[in-house]
């Protein structure tokens, strides 16, 4: 099952500047492992060593935050789209 993963600008250095990649997997964790296999070094920017999604990274499946679903164990199917959105902080007081 092919899943499209949208790569944010901050992580494109790991994907040879590709804005999206297509991989296979049955869960978000499987998909992130497949992306890591193809583009080593990217997963550690998204996930903690134990596989949990980093606190300041948001991952969406078809627009739904996986934290509100089953986290990395969220099931995906052929044609789904996963978006990786690093949190933005800062500003002026």
PDB file of N, CA and C in Angstrom:
ATOM      1  N   UNK A   1       0.837  -1.170   0.000  1.00  0.00           N
ATOM      2  CA  UNK A   1       0.000   0.000   0.000  1.00  0.00           C
ATOM      3  C   UNK A   1       0.885   1.237   0.000  1.00  0.00           C
ATOM      4  N   UNK A   2       0.691   2.098  -0.944  1.00  0.00           N
ATOM      5  CA  UNK A   2       1.503   3.293  -1.106  1.00  0.00           C
ATOM      6  C   UNK A   2       0.887   4.470  -0.351  1.00  0.00           C
ATOM      7  N   UNK A   3       1.717   5.132   0.439  1.00  0.00           N
ATOM      8  CA  UNK A   3       1.305   6.268   1.241  1.00  0.00           C
ATOM      9  C   UNK A   3       2.207   7.444   0.879  1.00  0.00           C
ATOM     10  N   UNK A   4       1.610   8.607   0.693  1.00  0.00           N
ATOM     11  CA  UNK A   4       2.373   9.813   0.379  1.00  0.00           C
ATOM     12  C   UNK A   4       2.720  10.515   1.684  1.00  0.00           C
ATOM     13  N   UNK A   5       4.002  10.864   1.842  1.00  0.00           N
ATOM     14  CA  UNK A   5       4.469  11.561   3.031  1.00  0.00           C
ATOM     15  C   UNK A   5       4.932  12.945   2.598  1.00  0.00           C
ATOM     16  N   UNK A   6       4.305  13.969   3.159  1.00  0.00           N
ATOM     17  CA  UNK A   6       4.667  15.351   2.869  1.00  0.00           C
ATOM     18  C   UNK A   6       5.832  15.731   3.785  1.00  0.00           C
ATOM     19  N   UNK A   7       6.923  16.167   3.174  1.00  0.00           N
ATOM     20  CA  UNK A   7       8.137  16.489   3.910  1.00  0.00           C
ATOM     21  C   UNK A   7       8.229  18.009   4.084  1.00  0.00           C
ATOM     22  N   UNK A   8       8.329  18.495   5.324  1.00  0.00           N
ATOM     23  CA  UNK A   8       8.451  19.942   5.526  1.00  0.00           C
ATOM     24  C   UNK A   8       9.822  20.434   5.069  1.00  0.00           C
ATOM     25  N   UNK A   9       9.898  21.705   4.771  1.00  0.00           N
ATOM     26  CA  UNK A   9      11.140  22.298   4.265  1.00  0.00           C
ATOM     27  C   UNK A   9      12.325  22.013   5.182  1.00  0.00           C
ATOM     28  N   UNK A  10      12.101  22.013   6.498  1.00  0.00           N
ATOM     29  CA  UNK A  10      13.189  21.812   7.452  1.00  0.00           C
ATOM     30  C   UNK A  10      13.820  20.426   7.349  1.00  0.00           C
ATOM     31  N   UNK A  11      13.113  19.459   6.781  1.00  0.00           N
ATOM     32  CA  UNK A  11      13.626  18.086   6.700  1.00  0.00           C
ATOM     33  C   UNK A  11      14.001  17.660   5.282  1.00  0.00           C
ATOM     34  N   UNK A  12      13.830  18.527   4.328  1.00  0.00           N
ATOM     35  CA  UNK A  12      14.096  18.142   2.937  1.00  0.00           C
ATOM     36  C   UNK A  12      15.560  17.868   2.648  1.00  0.00           C
ATOM     37  N   UNK A  13      16.448  18.337   3.499  1.00  0.00           N
ATOM     38  CA  UNK A  13      17.859  18.027   3.306  1.00  0.00           C
ATOM     39  C   UNK A  13      18.104  16.520   3.393  1.00  0.00           C
ATOM     40  N   UNK A  14      17.203  15.793   4.057  1.00  0.00           N
ATOM     41  CA  UNK A  14      17.322  14.340   4.189  1.00  0.00           C
ATOM     42  C   UNK A  14      16.691  13.596   3.020  1.00  0.00           C
ATOM     43  N   UNK A  15      15.832  14.263   2.257  1.00  0.00           N
ATOM     44  CA  UNK A  15      15.122  13.600   1.154  1.00  0.00           C
ATOM     45  C   UNK A  15      15.566  14.126  -0.208  1.00  0.00           C
ATOM     46  N   UNK A  16      16.802  14.592  -0.289  1.00  0.00           N
ATOM     47  CA  UNK A  16      17.330  15.145  -1.538  1.00  0.00           C
ATOM     48  C   UNK A  16      16.416  16.239  -2.084  1.00  0.00           C
ATOM     49  N   UNK A  17      15.918  17.053  -1.158  1.00  0.00           N
ATOM     50  CA  UNK A  17      15.080  18.213  -1.442  1.00  0.00           C
ATOM     51  C   UNK A  17      13.703  17.869  -2.014  1.00  0.00           C
ATOM     52  N   UNK A  18      13.262  16.634  -1.828  1.00  0.00           N
ATOM     53  CA  UNK A  18      11.922  16.248  -2.278  1.00  0.00           C
ATOM     54  C   UNK A  18      10.884  16.743  -1.275  1.00  0.00           C
ATOM     55  N   UNK A  19       9.807  17.317  -1.761  1.00  0.00           N
ATOM     56  CA  UNK A  19       8.751  17.815  -0.885  1.00  0.00           C
ATOM     57  C   UNK A  19       7.781  16.717  -0.457  1.00  0.00           C
ATOM     58  N   UNK A  20       7.815  15.589  -1.138  1.00  0.00           N
ATOM     59  CA  UNK A  20       7.009  14.442  -0.740  1.00  0.00           C
ATOM     60  C   UNK A  20       7.690  13.170  -1.237  1.00  0.00           C
ATOM     61  N   UNK A  21       7.407  12.087  -0.546  1.00  0.00           N
ATOM     62  CA  UNK A  21       7.917  10.775  -0.935  1.00  0.00           C
ATOM     63  C   UNK A  21       6.787   9.774  -0.803  1.00  0.00           C
ATOM     64  N   UNK A  22       6.869   8.689  -1.534  1.00  0.00           N
ATOM     65  CA  UNK A  22       5.869   7.627  -1.434  1.00  0.00           C
ATOM     66  C   UNK A  22       6.545   6.370  -0.949  1.00  0.00           C
ATOM     67  N   UNK A  23       5.965   5.786   0.093  1.00  0.00           N
ATOM     68  CA  UNK A  23       6.485   4.553   0.677  1.00  0.00           C
ATOM     69  C   UNK A  23       5.300   3.650   0.998  1.00  0.00           C
ATOM     70  N   UNK A  24       5.599   2.448   1.491  1.00  0.00           N
ATOM     71  CA  UNK A  24       4.533   1.543   1.880  1.00  0.00           C
ATOM     72  C   UNK A  24       4.595   1.294   3.380  1.00  0.00           C
ATOM     73  N   UNK A  25       3.464   0.928   3.952  1.00  0.00           N
ATOM     74  CA  UNK A  25       3.388   0.602   5.366  1.00  0.00           C
ATOM     75  C   UNK A  25       1.951   0.504   5.812  1.00  0.00           C
ATOM     76  N   UNK A  26       1.732  -0.239   6.889  1.00  0.00           N
ATOM     77  CA  UNK A  26       0.385  -0.422   7.404  1.00  0.00           C
ATOM     78  C   UNK A  26       0.022   0.499   8.542  1.00  0.00           C
ATOM     79  N   UNK A  27       1.051   1.106   9.168  1.00  0.00           N
ATOM     80  CA  UNK A  27       0.832   2.053  10.255  1.00  0.00           C
ATOM     81  C   UNK A  27       1.746   3.261  10.038  1.00  0.00           C
ATOM     82  N   UNK A  28       1.497   4.314  10.797  1.00  0.00           N
ATOM     83  CA  UNK A  28       2.363   5.487  10.729  1.00  0.00           C
ATOM     84  C   UNK A  28       3.798   5.079  11.061  1.00  0.00           C
ATOM     85  N   UNK A  29       3.988   4.243  12.073  1.00  0.00           N
ATOM     86  CA  UNK A  29       5.334   3.795  12.446  1.00  0.00           C
ATOM     87  C   UNK A  29       6.000   3.062  11.288  1.00  0.00           C
ATOM     88  N   UNK A  30       5.254   2.181  10.616  1.00  0.00           N
ATOM     89  CA  UNK A  30       5.796   1.459   9.453  1.00  0.00           C
ATOM     90  C   UNK A  30       6.229   2.435   8.364  1.00  0.00           C
ATOM     91  N   UNK A  31       5.397   3.431   8.121  1.00  0.00           N
ATOM     92  CA  UNK A  31       5.696   4.423   7.083  1.00  0.00           C
ATOM     93  C   UNK A  31       6.944   5.214   7.454  1.00  0.00           C
ATOM     94  N   UNK A  32       7.047   5.652   8.707  1.00  0.00           N
ATOM     95  CA  UNK A  32       8.232   6.400   9.121  1.00  0.00           C
ATOM     96  C   UNK A  32       9.487   5.536   9.054  1.00  0.00           C
ATOM     97  N   UNK A  33       9.363   4.253   9.361  1.00  0.00           N
ATOM     98  CA  UNK A  33      10.505   3.343   9.219  1.00  0.00           C
ATOM     99  C   UNK A  33      10.905   3.191   7.758  1.00  0.00           C
ATOM    100  N   UNK A  34       9.923   3.146   6.863  1.00  0.00           N
ATOM    101  CA  UNK A  34      10.213   3.038   5.433  1.00  0.00           C
ATOM    102  C   UNK A  34      10.888   4.302   4.909  1.00  0.00           C
ATOM    103  N   UNK A  35      10.441   5.458   5.397  1.00  0.00           N
ATOM    104  CA  UNK A  35      11.087   6.723   5.008  1.00  0.00           C
ATOM    105  C   UNK A  35      12.527   6.721   5.516  1.00  0.00           C
ATOM    106  N   UNK A  36      12.733   6.283   6.746  1.00  0.00           N
ATOM    107  CA  UNK A  36      14.082   6.214   7.321  1.00  0.00           C
ATOM    108  C   UNK A  36      14.977   5.269   6.515  1.00  0.00           C
ATOM    109  N   UNK A  37      14.422   4.139   6.078  1.00  0.00           N
ATOM    110  CA  UNK A  37      15.213   3.180   5.292  1.00  0.00           C
ATOM    111  C   UNK A  37      15.685   3.804   3.982  1.00  0.00           C
ATOM    112  N   UNK A  38      14.850   4.635   3.399  1.00  0.00           N
ATOM    113  CA  UNK A  38      15.188   5.281   2.127  1.00  0.00           C
ATOM    114  C   UNK A  38      16.029   6.546   2.328  1.00  0.00           C
ATOM    115  N   UNK A  39      15.802   7.227   3.447  1.00  0.00           N
ATOM    116  CA  UNK A  39      16.474   8.502   3.726  1.00  0.00           C
ATOM    117  C   UNK A  39      17.002   8.496   5.158  1.00  0.00           C
ATOM    118  N   UNK A  40      18.132   7.829   5.390  1.00  0.00           N
ATOM    119  CA  UNK A  40      18.670   7.705   6.749  1.00  0.00           C
ATOM    120  C   UNK A  40      18.880   9.056   7.437  1.00  0.00           C
ATOM    121  N   UNK A  41      18.500   9.078   8.717  1.00  0.00           N
ATOM    122  CA  UNK A  41      18.691  10.268   9.531  1.00  0.00           C
ATOM    123  C   UNK A  41      17.445  11.094   9.742  1.00  0.00           C
ATOM    124  N   UNK A  42      16.418  10.882   8.932  1.00  0.00           N
ATOM    125  CA  UNK A  42      15.220  11.716   9.037  1.00  0.00           C
ATOM    126  C   UNK A  42      14.354  11.338  10.237  1.00  0.00           C
ATOM    127  N   UNK A  43      14.257  10.048  10.528  1.00  0.00           N
ATOM    128  CA  UNK A  43      13.338   9.612  11.580  1.00  0.00           C
ATOM    129  C   UNK A  43      13.719  10.166  12.950  1.00  0.00           C
ATOM    130  N   UNK A  44      15.017  10.276  13.236  1.00  0.00           N
ATOM    131  CA  UNK A  44      15.411  10.776  14.554  1.00  0.00           C
ATOM    132  C   UNK A  44      15.002  12.229  14.741  1.00  0.00           C
ATOM    133  N   UNK A  45      14.677  12.923  13.667  1.00  0.00           N
ATOM    134  CA  UNK A  45      14.187  14.300  13.763  1.00  0.00           C
ATOM    135  C   UNK A  45      12.682  14.326  14.042  1.00  0.00           C
ATOM    136  N   UNK A  46      12.012  13.199  13.804  1.00  0.00           N
ATOM    137  CA  UNK A  46      10.556  13.104  13.952  1.00  0.00           C
ATOM    138  C   UNK A  46      10.176  12.351  15.226  1.00  0.00           C
ATOM    139  N   UNK A  47      10.937  11.311  15.539  1.00  0.00           N
ATOM    140  CA  UNK A  47      10.588  10.420  16.645  1.00  0.00           C
ATOM    141  C   UNK A  47      11.665  10.355  17.707  1.00  0.00           C
ATOM    142  N   UNK A  48      11.213  10.070  18.925  1.00  0.00           N
ATOM    143  CA  UNK A  48      12.120   9.767  20.032  1.00  0.00           C
ATOM    144  C   UNK A  48      12.735   8.392  19.766  1.00  0.00           C
ATOM    145  N   UNK A  49      13.831   8.050  20.468  1.00  0.00           N
ATOM    146  CA  UNK A  49      14.436   6.730  20.256  1.00  0.00           C
ATOM    147  C   UNK A  49      13.477   5.560  20.492  1.00  0.00           C
ATOM    148  N   UNK A  50      12.474   5.751  21.364  1.00  0.00           N
ATOM    149  CA  UNK A  50      11.516   4.676  21.630  1.00  0.00           C
ATOM    150  C   UNK A  50      10.365   4.618  20.624  1.00  0.00           C
ATOM    151  N   UNK A  51      10.389   5.499  19.609  1.00  0.00           N
ATOM    152  CA  UNK A  51       9.363   5.468  18.563  1.00  0.00           C
ATOM    153  C   UNK A  51       8.233   6.465  18.742  1.00  0.00           C
ATOM    154  N   UNK A  52       8.125   7.073  19.930  1.00  0.00           N
ATOM    155  CA  UNK A  52       7.090   8.092  20.124  1.00  0.00           C
ATOM    156  C   UNK A  52       7.409   9.309  19.265  1.00  0.00           C
ATOM    157  N   UNK A  53       6.379   9.969  18.786  1.00  0.00           N
ATOM    158  CA  UNK A  53       6.578  11.181  17.997  1.00  0.00           C
ATOM    159  C   UNK A  53       7.059  12.283  18.938  1.00  0.00           C
ATOM    160  N   UNK A  54       8.081  12.999  18.496  1.00  0.00           N
ATOM    161  CA  UNK A  54       8.644  14.061  19.332  1.00  0.00           C
ATOM    162  C   UNK A  54       7.576  15.084  19.708  1.00  0.00           C
ATOM    163  N   UNK A  55       7.738  15.663  20.861  1.00  0.00           N
ATOM    164  CA  UNK A  55       6.756  16.594  21.421  1.00  0.00           C
ATOM    165  C   UNK A  55       6.469  17.779  20.502  1.00  0.00           C
ATOM    166  N   UNK A  56       7.486  18.279  19.822  1.00  0.00           N
ATOM    167  CA  UNK A  56       7.307  19.474  19.002  1.00  0.00           C
ATOM    168  C   UNK A  56       7.171  19.162  17.515  1.00  0.00           C
ATOM    169  N   UNK A  57       6.741  17.936  17.221  1.00  0.00           N
ATOM    170  CA  UNK A  57       6.467  17.539  15.839  1.00  0.00           C
ATOM    171  C   UNK A  57       5.031  17.029  15.806  1.00  0.00           C
ATOM    172  N   UNK A  58       4.281  17.474  14.824  1.00  0.00           N
ATOM    173  CA  UNK A  58       2.916  17.003  14.648  1.00  0.00           C
ATOM    174  C   UNK A  58       2.858  16.154  13.386  1.00  0.00           C
ATOM    175  N   UNK A  59       2.168  15.029  13.485  1.00  0.00           N
ATOM    176  CA  UNK A  59       2.010  14.130  12.342  1.00  0.00           C
ATOM    177  C   UNK A  59       0.515  13.950  12.116  1.00  0.00           C
ATOM    178  N   UNK A  60       0.112  14.118  10.870  1.00  0.00           N
ATOM    179  CA  UNK A  60      -1.301  14.021  10.496  1.00  0.00           C
ATOM    180  C   UNK A  60      -1.487  12.943   9.438  1.00  0.00           C
ATOM    181  N   UNK A  61      -2.584  12.208   9.536  1.00  0.00           N
ATOM    182  CA  UNK A  61      -2.992  11.270   8.494  1.00  0.00           C
ATOM    183  C   UNK A  61      -4.278  11.819   7.909  1.00  0.00           C
ATOM    184  N   UNK A  62      -4.213  12.185   6.660  1.00  0.00           N
ATOM    185  CA  UNK A  62      -5.373  12.768   5.972  1.00  0.00           C
ATOM    186  C   UNK A  62      -5.972  13.928   6.784  1.00  0.00           C
ATOM    187  N   UNK A  63      -5.095  14.738   7.361  1.00  0.00           N
ATOM    188  CA  UNK A  63      -5.538  15.921   8.088  1.00  0.00           C
ATOM    189  C   UNK A  63      -5.890  15.702   9.548  1.00  0.00           C
ATOM    190  N   UNK A  64      -5.824  14.455  10.037  1.00  0.00           N
ATOM    191  CA  UNK A  64      -6.150  14.178  11.437  1.00  0.00           C
ATOM    192  C   UNK A  64      -4.875  13.937  12.233  1.00  0.00           C
ATOM    193  N   UNK A  65      -4.743  14.643  13.351  1.00  0.00           N
ATOM    194  CA  UNK A  65      -3.577  14.512  14.214  1.00  0.00           C
ATOM    195  C   UNK A  65      -3.519  13.096  14.777  1.00  0.00           C
ATOM    196  N   UNK A  66      -2.387  12.401  14.583  1.00  0.00           N
ATOM    197  CA  UNK A  66      -2.290  11.019  15.060  1.00  0.00           C
ATOM    198  C   UNK A  66      -2.318  10.928  16.581  1.00  0.00           C
ATOM    199  N   UNK A  67      -2.018  12.029  17.273  1.00  0.00           N
ATOM    200  CA  UNK A  67      -2.108  11.999  18.738  1.00  0.00           C
ATOM    201  C   UNK A  67      -3.562  11.799  19.197  1.00  0.00           C
ATOM    202  N   UNK A  68      -4.504  12.227  18.384  1.00  0.00           N
ATOM    203  CA  UNK A  68      -5.922  12.037  18.702  1.00  0.00           C
ATOM    204  C   UNK A  68      -6.408  10.671  18.217  1.00  0.00           C
ATOM    205  N   UNK A  69      -5.553   9.960  17.502  1.00  0.00           N
ATOM    206  CA  UNK A  69      -5.893   8.628  17.000  1.00  0.00           C
ATOM    207  C   UNK A  69      -5.096   7.610  17.819  1.00  0.00           C
ATOM    208  N   UNK A  70      -4.292   6.793  17.166  1.00  0.00           N
ATOM    209  CA  UNK A  70      -3.499   5.780  17.854  1.00  0.00           C
ATOM    210  C   UNK A  70      -2.004   6.061  17.817  1.00  0.00           C
ATOM    211  N   UNK A  71      -1.626   7.347  17.679  1.00  0.00           N
ATOM    212  CA  UNK A  71      -0.213   7.700  17.638  1.00  0.00           C
ATOM    213  C   UNK A  71       0.500   6.985  16.507  1.00  0.00           C
ATOM    214  N   UNK A  72       1.716   6.517  16.748  1.00  0.00           N
ATOM    215  CA  UNK A  72       2.465   5.827  15.696  1.00  0.00           C
ATOM    216  C   UNK A  72       1.789   4.541  15.218  1.00  0.00           C
ATOM    217  N   UNK A  73       0.893   4.000  16.038  1.00  0.00           N
ATOM    218  CA  UNK A  73       0.186   2.777  15.655  1.00  0.00           C
ATOM    219  C   UNK A  73      -1.056   3.040  14.805  1.00  0.00           C
ATOM    220  N   UNK A  74      -1.285   4.294  14.448  1.00  0.00           N
ATOM    221  CA  UNK A  74      -2.428   4.640  13.603  1.00  0.00           C
ATOM    222  C   UNK A  74      -2.316   3.914  12.267  1.00  0.00           C
ATOM    223  N   UNK A  75      -3.369   3.227  11.898  1.00  0.00           N
ATOM    224  CA  UNK A  75      -3.383   2.480  10.640  1.00  0.00           C
ATOM    225  C   UNK A  75      -3.470   3.434   9.452  1.00  0.00           C
ATOM    226  N   UNK A  76      -2.813   3.057   8.379  1.00  0.00           N
ATOM    227  CA  UNK A  76      -2.901   3.796   7.116  1.00  0.00           C
ATOM    228  C   UNK A  76      -3.251   2.812   6.019  1.00  0.00           C
ATOM    229  N   UNK A  77      -3.805   3.370   4.944  1.00  0.00           N
ATOM    230  CA  UNK A  77      -4.182   2.522   3.812  1.00  0.00           C
ATOM    231  C   UNK A  77      -3.677   3.143   2.518  1.00  0.00           C
ATOM    232  N   UNK A  78      -3.740   2.379   1.480  1.00  0.00           N
ATOM    233  CA  UNK A  78      -3.275   2.827   0.169  1.00  0.00           C
ATOM    234  C   UNK A  78      -3.918   4.161  -0.198  1.00  0.00           C
ATOM    235  N   UNK A  79      -3.095   5.120  -0.589  1.00  0.00           N
ATOM    236  CA  UNK A  79      -3.594   6.427  -1.000  1.00  0.00           C
ATOM    237  C   UNK A  79      -3.660   7.461   0.101  1.00  0.00           C
ATOM    238  N   UNK A  80      -3.415   7.050   1.349  1.00  0.00           N
ATOM    239  CA  UNK A  80      -3.434   8.019   2.447  1.00  0.00           C
ATOM    240  C   UNK A  80      -2.273   9.005   2.309  1.00  0.00           C
ATOM    241  N   UNK A  81      -2.416  10.149   2.985  1.00  0.00           N
ATOM    242  CA  UNK A  81      -1.384  11.174   2.978  1.00  0.00           C
ATOM    243  C   UNK A  81      -0.994  11.491   4.416  1.00  0.00           C
ATOM    244  N   UNK A  82       0.303  11.443   4.677  1.00  0.00           N
ATOM    245  CA  UNK A  82       0.827  11.764   5.999  1.00  0.00           C
ATOM    246  C   UNK A  82       1.569  13.086   5.898  1.00  0.00           C
ATOM    247  N   UNK A  83       1.211  14.007   6.768  1.00  0.00           N
ATOM    248  CA  UNK A  83       1.885  15.299   6.828  1.00  0.00           C
ATOM    249  C   UNK A  83       2.700  15.392   8.103  1.00  0.00           C
ATOM    250  N   UNK A  84       3.922  15.867   7.970  1.00  0.00           N
ATOM    251  CA  UNK A  84       4.808  16.071   9.123  1.00  0.00           C
ATOM    252  C   UNK A  84       4.960  17.578   9.286  1.00  0.00           C
ATOM    253  N   UNK A  85       4.546  18.076  10.441  1.00  0.00           N
ATOM    254  CA  UNK A  85       4.554  19.512  10.681  1.00  0.00           C
ATOM    255  C   UNK A  85       5.334  19.818  11.955  1.00  0.00           C
ATOM    256  N   UNK A  86       6.548  20.355  11.827  1.00  0.00           N
ATOM    257  CA  UNK A  86       7.262  20.765  13.045  1.00  0.00           C
ATOM    258  C   UNK A  86       6.538  21.952  13.676  1.00  0.00           C
ATOM    259  N   UNK A  87       6.466  21.947  15.000  1.00  0.00           N
ATOM    260  CA  UNK A  87       5.816  23.039  15.710  1.00  0.00           C
ATOM    261  C   UNK A  87       6.647  24.313  15.535  1.00  0.00           C
ATOM    262  N   UNK A  88       5.958  25.427  15.458  1.00  0.00           N
ATOM    263  CA  UNK A  88       6.607  26.725  15.335  1.00  0.00           C
ATOM    264  C   UNK A  88       6.388  27.474  16.635  1.00  0.00           C
ATOM    265  N   UNK A  89       7.458  28.002  17.176  1.00  0.00           N
ATOM    266  CA  UNK A  89       7.348  28.756  18.423  1.00  0.00           C
ATOM    267  C   UNK A  89       8.147  30.045  18.293  1.00  0.00           C
ATOM    268  N   UNK A  90       7.917  30.904  19.212  1.00  0.00           N
ATOM    269  CA  UNK A  90       8.674  32.145  19.224  1.00  0.00           C
ATOM    270  C   UNK A  90       7.769  33.336  19.010  1.00  0.00           C
ATOM    271  N   UNK A  91       8.367  34.410  18.689  1.00  0.00           N
ATOM    272  CA  UNK A  91       7.599  35.630  18.488  1.00  0.00           C
ATOM    273  C   UNK A  91       8.099  36.731  19.385  1.00  0.00           C
ATOM    274  N   UNK A  92       7.371  37.767  19.419  1.00  0.00           N
ATOM    275  CA  UNK A  92       7.782  38.948  20.170  1.00  0.00           C
ATOM    276  C   UNK A  92       6.823  39.157  21.327  1.00  0.00           C
ATOM    277  N   UNK A  93       7.359  39.594  22.440  1.00  0.00           N
ATOM    278  CA  UNK A  93       6.513  39.838  23.604  1.00  0.00           C
ATOM    279  C   UNK A  93       5.952  41.210  23.589  1.00  0.00           C
TER     280      UNK A  93
END
